[in-house]
Amino acid sequence: MSGEEKKVGGVQGKVKGKTVPIKGFVQDFIGFSILGMLESLREVSDPQEVEIKIKK
């Protein structure tokens, strides 16, 4: 990066209703990974906020 560090706005995690703390590097890793995947879809353009729920 040209001297300018990119960051995502924030990533939050909850397990069984309890917030899980996520450090900055992991927030960026998760955020940029998900945004990259979503932006590759034709139906998605410039997502500003994304909500994902995973059930096991």
N, C-alpha and C. Protein backbone atom coordinates (compact mmCIF):
# COMPACT_ATOMS: atom_id res chain seq x y z
N MET A 1 0.85 -1.18 0.00
CA MET A 1 0.00 0.00 0.00
C MET A 1 0.89 1.24 0.00
N SER A 2 0.51 2.22 -0.67
CA SER A 2 1.33 3.41 -0.86
C SER A 2 1.34 4.32 0.37
N GLY A 3 1.85 3.80 1.50
CA GLY A 3 1.93 4.60 2.71
C GLY A 3 0.60 4.83 3.41
N GLU A 4 -0.47 4.42 2.79
CA GLU A 4 -1.80 4.63 3.35
C GLU A 4 -2.40 3.29 3.71
N GLU A 5 -2.66 3.08 4.99
CA GLU A 5 -3.19 1.80 5.44
C GLU A 5 -4.71 1.79 5.32
N LYS A 6 -5.25 0.75 4.69
CA LYS A 6 -6.69 0.63 4.54
C LYS A 6 -7.26 -0.15 5.72
N LYS A 7 -8.45 0.23 6.15
CA LYS A 7 -9.14 -0.44 7.25
C LYS A 7 -10.61 -0.59 6.90
N VAL A 8 -11.23 -1.62 7.46
CA VAL A 8 -12.68 -1.72 7.35
C VAL A 8 -13.27 -0.93 8.51
N GLY A 9 -14.53 -0.56 8.38
CA GLY A 9 -15.19 0.24 9.42
C GLY A 9 -15.34 -0.48 10.74
N GLY A 10 -15.54 -1.75 10.71
CA GLY A 10 -15.69 -2.52 11.94
C GLY A 10 -16.34 -3.86 11.67
N VAL A 11 -15.90 -4.85 12.41
CA VAL A 11 -16.46 -6.19 12.31
C VAL A 11 -16.83 -6.60 13.73
N GLN A 12 -18.05 -7.06 13.91
CA GLN A 12 -18.51 -7.51 15.22
C GLN A 12 -18.88 -8.98 15.13
N GLY A 13 -18.62 -9.70 16.20
CA GLY A 13 -19.01 -11.10 16.25
C GLY A 13 -19.80 -11.39 17.51
N LYS A 14 -20.79 -12.25 17.39
CA LYS A 14 -21.58 -12.69 18.54
C LYS A 14 -21.73 -14.20 18.48
N VAL A 15 -21.57 -14.84 19.61
CA VAL A 15 -21.79 -16.27 19.72
C VAL A 15 -22.74 -16.48 20.88
N LYS A 16 -23.88 -17.13 20.61
CA LYS A 16 -24.92 -17.35 21.60
C LYS A 16 -25.36 -16.04 22.27
N GLY A 17 -25.41 -14.97 21.45
CA GLY A 17 -25.88 -13.68 21.94
C GLY A 17 -24.82 -12.85 22.65
N LYS A 18 -23.63 -13.40 22.88
CA LYS A 18 -22.57 -12.69 23.59
C LYS A 18 -21.54 -12.17 22.59
N THR A 19 -21.19 -10.88 22.72
CA THR A 19 -20.22 -10.27 21.82
C THR A 19 -18.84 -10.88 22.05
N VAL A 20 -18.18 -11.20 20.94
CA VAL A 20 -16.83 -11.76 20.97
C VAL A 20 -15.87 -10.65 20.54
N PRO A 21 -14.87 -10.33 21.37
CA PRO A 21 -13.91 -9.28 20.96
C PRO A 21 -13.04 -9.75 19.80
N ILE A 22 -12.87 -8.87 18.81
CA ILE A 22 -12.07 -9.19 17.63
C ILE A 22 -11.05 -8.06 17.45
N LYS A 23 -9.77 -8.42 17.40
CA LYS A 23 -8.70 -7.43 17.26
C LYS A 23 -8.66 -6.87 15.84
N GLY A 24 -8.00 -5.72 15.67
CA GLY A 24 -7.97 -4.98 14.41
C GLY A 24 -7.54 -5.79 13.20
N PHE A 25 -6.43 -6.55 13.32
CA PHE A 25 -5.95 -7.33 12.18
C PHE A 25 -7.00 -8.34 11.73
N VAL A 26 -7.64 -9.01 12.69
CA VAL A 26 -8.65 -10.02 12.36
C VAL A 26 -9.89 -9.35 11.78
N GLN A 27 -10.26 -8.17 12.29
CA GLN A 27 -11.39 -7.43 11.72
C GLN A 27 -11.13 -7.12 10.26
N ASP A 28 -9.92 -6.64 9.96
CA ASP A 28 -9.58 -6.32 8.57
C ASP A 28 -9.58 -7.58 7.71
N PHE A 29 -9.02 -8.66 8.23
CA PHE A 29 -8.95 -9.92 7.48
C PHE A 29 -10.35 -10.42 7.13
N ILE A 30 -11.23 -10.47 8.12
CA ILE A 30 -12.60 -10.94 7.90
C ILE A 30 -13.35 -9.96 6.99
N GLY A 31 -13.27 -8.68 7.31
CA GLY A 31 -14.01 -7.66 6.57
C GLY A 31 -13.63 -7.60 5.10
N PHE A 32 -12.33 -7.52 4.81
CA PHE A 32 -11.89 -7.43 3.41
C PHE A 32 -12.17 -8.73 2.65
N SER A 33 -12.06 -9.87 3.35
CA SER A 33 -12.35 -11.16 2.69
C SER A 33 -13.81 -11.22 2.26
N ILE A 34 -14.71 -10.89 3.17
CA ILE A 34 -16.14 -10.95 2.87
C ILE A 34 -16.52 -9.89 1.83
N LEU A 35 -16.02 -8.67 1.98
CA LEU A 35 -16.33 -7.62 1.00
C LEU A 35 -15.83 -8.01 -0.39
N GLY A 36 -14.64 -8.59 -0.47
CA GLY A 36 -14.10 -9.02 -1.75
C GLY A 36 -14.97 -10.06 -2.41
N MET A 37 -15.44 -11.02 -1.63
CA MET A 37 -16.31 -12.06 -2.18
C MET A 37 -17.64 -11.47 -2.64
N LEU A 38 -18.21 -10.59 -1.84
CA LEU A 38 -19.50 -9.99 -2.20
C LEU A 38 -19.39 -9.10 -3.44
N GLU A 39 -18.31 -8.33 -3.53
CA GLU A 39 -18.15 -7.42 -4.67
C GLU A 39 -17.93 -8.16 -5.98
N SER A 40 -17.56 -9.44 -5.89
CA SER A 40 -17.40 -10.23 -7.12
C SER A 40 -18.74 -10.71 -7.67
N LEU A 41 -19.81 -10.56 -6.90
CA LEU A 41 -21.14 -10.96 -7.35
C LEU A 41 -21.76 -9.86 -8.19
N ARG A 42 -22.44 -10.23 -9.25
CA ARG A 42 -23.04 -9.24 -10.16
C ARG A 42 -24.11 -8.39 -9.48
N GLU A 43 -24.85 -8.99 -8.56
CA GLU A 43 -25.98 -8.30 -7.93
C GLU A 43 -25.56 -7.31 -6.86
N VAL A 44 -24.27 -7.31 -6.48
CA VAL A 44 -23.80 -6.47 -5.38
C VAL A 44 -22.87 -5.39 -5.91
N SER A 45 -23.16 -4.14 -5.56
CA SER A 45 -22.25 -3.06 -5.92
C SER A 45 -22.08 -2.13 -4.71
N ASP A 46 -20.85 -1.90 -4.34
CA ASP A 46 -20.46 -0.98 -3.27
C ASP A 46 -21.22 -1.23 -1.96
N PRO A 47 -21.07 -2.41 -1.36
CA PRO A 47 -21.76 -2.67 -0.09
C PRO A 47 -21.18 -1.79 1.03
N GLN A 48 -22.03 -1.12 1.77
CA GLN A 48 -21.60 -0.26 2.86
C GLN A 48 -21.74 -0.94 4.22
N GLU A 49 -22.74 -1.79 4.34
CA GLU A 49 -22.96 -2.54 5.58
C GLU A 49 -23.48 -3.91 5.20
N VAL A 50 -22.91 -4.94 5.84
CA VAL A 50 -23.26 -6.31 5.52
C VAL A 50 -23.59 -7.05 6.81
N GLU A 51 -24.65 -7.82 6.80
CA GLU A 51 -24.99 -8.64 7.96
C GLU A 51 -24.98 -10.11 7.52
N ILE A 52 -24.23 -10.91 8.23
CA ILE A 52 -24.12 -12.34 7.91
C ILE A 52 -24.41 -13.13 9.17
N LYS A 53 -25.26 -14.12 9.06
CA LYS A 53 -25.53 -15.03 10.17
C LYS A 53 -25.18 -16.44 9.72
N ILE A 54 -24.49 -17.16 10.56
CA ILE A 54 -24.12 -18.54 10.26
C ILE A 54 -24.70 -19.43 11.34
N LYS A 55 -25.43 -20.45 10.92
CA LYS A 55 -26.01 -21.41 11.86
C LYS A 55 -25.37 -22.76 11.63
N LYS A 56 -25.10 -23.44 12.70
CA LYS A 56 -24.49 -24.76 12.61
C LYS A 56 -25.49 -25.81 13.06
